[in-house]
């Protein structure tokens, strides 16, 4: 039985809107890449942990878009390239 359906729904909405994988979300929000999978499988989420997740969602929704691979701001014209091969900033030229 799912213990935290509203939290999971909010996480899914956030990751969908930000094009962020659930693994990346867990890693960035809590330094736990398996967080979302674990709550789907019945993991108990303490109130302090839920507050931390909700704060990450709130701050993330209000902040500029970040690359989900390298964390550079996507609208930053000074970013010439990223050293992560899979990053969309790899081949972008600075303005």
N, C-alpha and C. Protein backbone atom coordinates (compact mmCIF):
# COMPACT_ATOMS: atom_id res chain seq x y z
N UNK A 1 0.83 -1.19 0.00
CA UNK A 1 0.00 0.00 0.00
C UNK A 1 0.87 1.25 0.00
N UNK A 2 0.51 2.21 -0.82
CA UNK A 2 1.26 3.45 -0.93
C UNK A 2 0.94 4.34 0.27
N UNK A 3 1.98 4.71 1.01
CA UNK A 3 1.77 5.48 2.23
C UNK A 3 1.70 6.98 1.99
N UNK A 4 2.28 7.46 0.90
CA UNK A 4 2.38 8.90 0.67
C UNK A 4 1.94 9.25 -0.75
N UNK A 5 0.67 9.02 -1.10
CA UNK A 5 0.24 9.24 -2.48
C UNK A 5 0.31 10.70 -2.92
N UNK A 6 0.01 11.64 -2.04
CA UNK A 6 0.05 13.06 -2.41
C UNK A 6 1.48 13.52 -2.66
N UNK A 7 2.41 13.10 -1.82
CA UNK A 7 3.81 13.46 -2.01
C UNK A 7 4.31 12.88 -3.33
N UNK A 8 3.99 11.65 -3.60
CA UNK A 8 4.43 11.02 -4.83
C UNK A 8 3.83 11.73 -6.05
N UNK A 9 2.58 12.10 -5.96
CA UNK A 9 1.93 12.82 -7.06
C UNK A 9 2.62 14.17 -7.31
N UNK A 10 2.98 14.87 -6.23
CA UNK A 10 3.67 16.16 -6.37
C UNK A 10 5.06 15.98 -6.97
N UNK A 11 5.75 14.93 -6.57
CA UNK A 11 7.08 14.65 -7.13
C UNK A 11 6.96 14.33 -8.61
N UNK A 12 5.99 13.50 -8.98
CA UNK A 12 5.81 13.14 -10.39
C UNK A 12 5.47 14.36 -11.23
N UNK A 13 4.65 15.25 -10.72
CA UNK A 13 4.30 16.47 -11.44
C UNK A 13 5.56 17.33 -11.63
N UNK A 14 6.34 17.51 -10.57
CA UNK A 14 7.55 18.33 -10.63
C UNK A 14 8.55 17.75 -11.62
N UNK A 15 8.82 16.46 -11.53
CA UNK A 15 9.81 15.85 -12.42
C UNK A 15 9.35 15.91 -13.88
N UNK A 16 8.06 15.78 -14.10
CA UNK A 16 7.53 15.87 -15.46
C UNK A 16 7.69 17.29 -16.01
N UNK A 17 7.34 18.29 -15.22
CA UNK A 17 7.45 19.68 -15.66
C UNK A 17 8.89 20.10 -15.89
N UNK A 18 9.81 19.56 -15.11
CA UNK A 18 11.22 19.94 -15.21
C UNK A 18 12.03 19.00 -16.09
N UNK A 19 11.39 17.99 -16.65
CA UNK A 19 12.09 16.97 -17.44
C UNK A 19 13.26 16.39 -16.66
N UNK A 20 13.00 16.04 -15.42
CA UNK A 20 14.02 15.50 -14.53
C UNK A 20 13.66 14.06 -14.22
N UNK A 21 14.63 13.18 -14.26
CA UNK A 21 14.35 11.80 -13.91
C UNK A 21 14.11 11.69 -12.40
N UNK A 22 13.42 10.66 -12.01
CA UNK A 22 13.15 10.46 -10.58
C UNK A 22 14.42 10.15 -9.82
N UNK A 23 15.36 9.50 -10.46
CA UNK A 23 16.66 9.22 -9.82
C UNK A 23 17.40 10.53 -9.56
N UNK A 24 17.40 11.42 -10.55
CA UNK A 24 18.05 12.72 -10.39
C UNK A 24 17.35 13.53 -9.30
N UNK A 25 16.03 13.48 -9.29
CA UNK A 25 15.28 14.18 -8.25
C UNK A 25 15.71 13.71 -6.87
N UNK A 26 15.72 12.41 -6.66
CA UNK A 26 16.10 11.88 -5.35
C UNK A 26 17.52 12.26 -4.96
N UNK A 27 18.41 12.22 -5.94
CA UNK A 27 19.81 12.57 -5.67
C UNK A 27 19.95 14.04 -5.30
N UNK A 28 19.25 14.91 -6.04
CA UNK A 28 19.38 16.35 -5.77
C UNK A 28 18.61 16.78 -4.53
N UNK A 29 17.45 16.21 -4.30
CA UNK A 29 16.63 16.63 -3.16
C UNK A 29 17.16 16.08 -1.84
N UNK A 30 17.61 14.82 -1.85
CA UNK A 30 17.95 14.16 -0.59
C UNK A 30 19.27 13.39 -0.62
N UNK A 31 19.98 13.45 -1.73
CA UNK A 31 21.18 12.66 -1.90
C UNK A 31 20.86 11.16 -1.79
N UNK A 32 19.69 10.79 -2.31
CA UNK A 32 19.21 9.42 -2.28
C UNK A 32 18.56 9.11 -3.62
N UNK A 33 19.31 8.54 -4.56
CA UNK A 33 18.77 8.32 -5.90
C UNK A 33 17.59 7.35 -5.95
N UNK A 34 17.38 6.57 -4.92
CA UNK A 34 16.30 5.57 -4.93
C UNK A 34 15.08 6.01 -4.12
N UNK A 35 15.05 7.26 -3.72
CA UNK A 35 13.98 7.76 -2.85
C UNK A 35 12.59 7.53 -3.45
N UNK A 36 12.38 7.94 -4.70
CA UNK A 36 11.05 7.84 -5.32
C UNK A 36 10.65 6.37 -5.46
N UNK A 37 11.57 5.55 -5.92
CA UNK A 37 11.26 4.12 -6.06
C UNK A 37 10.90 3.53 -4.70
N UNK A 38 11.65 3.92 -3.68
CA UNK A 38 11.41 3.37 -2.35
C UNK A 38 10.05 3.79 -1.78
N UNK A 39 9.62 5.04 -2.01
CA UNK A 39 8.31 5.42 -1.47
C UNK A 39 7.19 4.73 -2.25
N UNK A 40 7.42 4.44 -3.52
CA UNK A 40 6.44 3.65 -4.27
C UNK A 40 6.32 2.24 -3.68
N UNK A 41 7.41 1.75 -3.13
CA UNK A 41 7.43 0.40 -2.56
C UNK A 41 7.09 0.39 -1.07
N UNK A 42 6.56 1.51 -0.55
CA UNK A 42 6.08 1.51 0.82
C UNK A 42 6.99 2.11 1.86
N UNK A 43 8.07 2.77 1.45
CA UNK A 43 8.98 3.38 2.41
C UNK A 43 8.26 4.46 3.21
N UNK A 44 8.50 4.47 4.51
CA UNK A 44 7.95 5.50 5.37
C UNK A 44 8.76 6.78 5.16
N UNK A 45 8.07 7.89 5.05
CA UNK A 45 8.72 9.18 4.89
C UNK A 45 8.43 10.01 6.14
N UNK A 46 9.47 10.36 6.85
CA UNK A 46 9.33 11.14 8.07
C UNK A 46 8.92 12.56 7.72
N UNK A 47 8.24 13.24 8.62
CA UNK A 47 7.79 14.62 8.35
C UNK A 47 8.93 15.56 7.96
N UNK A 48 10.08 15.42 8.59
CA UNK A 48 11.22 16.29 8.25
C UNK A 48 11.70 16.02 6.83
N UNK A 49 11.67 14.76 6.41
CA UNK A 49 12.08 14.41 5.05
C UNK A 49 11.08 14.95 4.04
N UNK A 50 9.80 14.81 4.34
CA UNK A 50 8.78 15.34 3.44
C UNK A 50 8.91 16.85 3.32
N UNK A 51 9.19 17.54 4.41
CA UNK A 51 9.36 18.99 4.37
C UNK A 51 10.54 19.37 3.49
N UNK A 52 11.61 18.60 3.58
CA UNK A 52 12.80 18.86 2.76
C UNK A 52 12.48 18.66 1.27
N UNK A 53 11.74 17.62 0.96
CA UNK A 53 11.34 17.36 -0.43
C UNK A 53 10.45 18.47 -0.95
N UNK A 54 9.47 18.87 -0.15
CA UNK A 54 8.55 19.93 -0.59
C UNK A 54 9.27 21.26 -0.75
N UNK A 55 10.25 21.55 0.09
CA UNK A 55 11.05 22.76 -0.07
C UNK A 55 11.86 22.71 -1.36
N UNK A 56 12.43 21.55 -1.67
CA UNK A 56 13.18 21.39 -2.92
C UNK A 56 12.26 21.64 -4.11
N UNK A 57 11.04 21.12 -4.06
CA UNK A 57 10.08 21.32 -5.16
C UNK A 57 9.72 22.80 -5.27
N UNK A 58 9.46 23.44 -4.13
CA UNK A 58 9.07 24.85 -4.13
C UNK A 58 10.19 25.74 -4.66
N UNK A 59 11.39 25.52 -4.19
CA UNK A 59 12.53 26.33 -4.63
C UNK A 59 12.87 26.01 -6.08
N UNK A 60 12.79 24.75 -6.44
CA UNK A 60 13.11 24.34 -7.81
C UNK A 60 12.14 24.90 -8.82
N UNK A 61 10.88 25.01 -8.45
CA UNK A 61 9.88 25.54 -9.37
C UNK A 61 10.06 27.04 -9.57
N UNK A 62 10.63 27.72 -8.59
CA UNK A 62 10.80 29.17 -8.69
C UNK A 62 12.16 29.57 -9.26
N UNK A 63 13.10 28.66 -9.31
CA UNK A 63 14.45 28.99 -9.76
C UNK A 63 14.57 28.82 -11.27
N UNK A 64 15.63 29.41 -11.86
CA UNK A 64 15.83 29.25 -13.29
C UNK A 64 16.09 27.79 -13.64
N UNK A 65 15.82 27.43 -14.87
CA UNK A 65 16.00 26.05 -15.31
C UNK A 65 17.46 25.65 -15.21
N UNK A 66 17.69 24.47 -14.64
CA UNK A 66 19.03 23.93 -14.53
C UNK A 66 19.13 22.69 -15.40
N UNK A 67 20.29 22.49 -15.94
CA UNK A 67 20.53 21.26 -16.69
C UNK A 67 20.47 20.10 -15.70
N UNK A 68 19.74 19.06 -16.02
CA UNK A 68 19.62 17.94 -15.11
C UNK A 68 20.86 17.06 -15.10
N UNK A 69 21.78 17.33 -16.01
CA UNK A 69 23.02 16.56 -16.07
C UNK A 69 24.14 17.23 -15.29
N UNK A 70 24.32 18.54 -15.54
CA UNK A 70 25.50 19.22 -14.96
C UNK A 70 25.16 20.34 -13.98
N UNK A 71 23.88 20.68 -13.82
CA UNK A 71 23.41 21.72 -12.92
C UNK A 71 23.76 23.14 -13.36
N UNK A 72 24.22 23.35 -14.57
CA UNK A 72 24.41 24.71 -15.08
C UNK A 72 23.04 25.30 -15.41
N UNK A 73 22.92 26.59 -15.24
CA UNK A 73 21.68 27.24 -15.65
C UNK A 73 21.59 27.18 -17.16
N UNK A 74 20.46 26.77 -17.68
CA UNK A 74 20.30 26.63 -19.12
C UNK A 74 20.24 27.97 -19.83
N UNK A 75 19.88 29.02 -19.12
CA UNK A 75 19.82 30.34 -19.75
C UNK A 75 21.08 31.16 -19.54
N UNK A 76 22.14 30.56 -19.03
CA UNK A 76 23.39 31.27 -18.76
C UNK A 76 24.24 31.34 -20.02
N UNK A 77 24.40 32.51 -20.62
CA UNK A 77 25.16 32.61 -21.87
C UNK A 77 26.67 32.44 -21.68
N UNK A 78 27.14 32.47 -20.44
CA UNK A 78 28.58 32.32 -20.22
C UNK A 78 29.03 30.87 -20.21
N UNK A 79 28.09 29.95 -20.14
CA UNK A 79 28.45 28.53 -20.15
C UNK A 79 28.78 28.14 -21.59
N UNK A 80 30.04 27.88 -21.83
CA UNK A 80 30.46 27.50 -23.18
C UNK A 80 30.16 26.03 -23.44
N UNK A 81 30.53 25.21 -22.52
CA UNK A 81 30.32 23.78 -22.70
C UNK A 81 30.45 23.11 -21.34
N UNK A 82 29.98 21.91 -21.31
CA UNK A 82 30.03 21.12 -20.10
C UNK A 82 31.00 19.96 -20.32
N UNK A 83 31.60 19.48 -19.28
CA UNK A 83 32.53 18.36 -19.43
C UNK A 83 31.83 17.00 -19.32
N UNK A 84 30.51 17.01 -19.20
CA UNK A 84 29.75 15.77 -19.15
C UNK A 84 29.25 15.46 -20.56
N UNK A 85 29.61 14.34 -21.09
CA UNK A 85 29.32 14.00 -22.48
C UNK A 85 27.82 14.04 -22.81
N UNK A 86 26.97 13.59 -21.90
CA UNK A 86 25.54 13.52 -22.17
C UNK A 86 24.83 14.86 -22.03
N UNK A 87 25.53 15.88 -21.57
CA UNK A 87 24.92 17.18 -21.29
C UNK A 87 24.58 17.92 -22.58
N UNK A 88 23.40 18.56 -22.62
CA UNK A 88 23.04 19.33 -23.81
C UNK A 88 23.90 20.58 -23.99
N UNK A 89 24.66 20.97 -22.96
CA UNK A 89 25.54 22.14 -23.06
C UNK A 89 26.89 21.81 -23.68
N UNK A 90 27.15 20.56 -23.99
CA UNK A 90 28.46 20.14 -24.47
C UNK A 90 28.88 20.93 -25.71
N UNK A 91 27.99 21.07 -26.66
CA UNK A 91 28.36 21.68 -27.92
C UNK A 91 27.84 23.10 -28.09
N UNK A 92 27.28 23.66 -27.06
CA UNK A 92 26.70 25.01 -27.16
C UNK A 92 27.79 26.06 -27.09
N UNK A 93 27.70 27.05 -27.91
CA UNK A 93 28.64 28.15 -27.90
C UNK A 93 28.09 29.28 -27.06
N UNK A 94 28.98 30.02 -26.41
CA UNK A 94 28.55 31.16 -25.61
C UNK A 94 28.15 32.30 -26.53
N UNK A 95 27.22 33.09 -26.08
CA UNK A 95 26.75 34.22 -26.90
C UNK A 95 27.78 35.33 -26.93
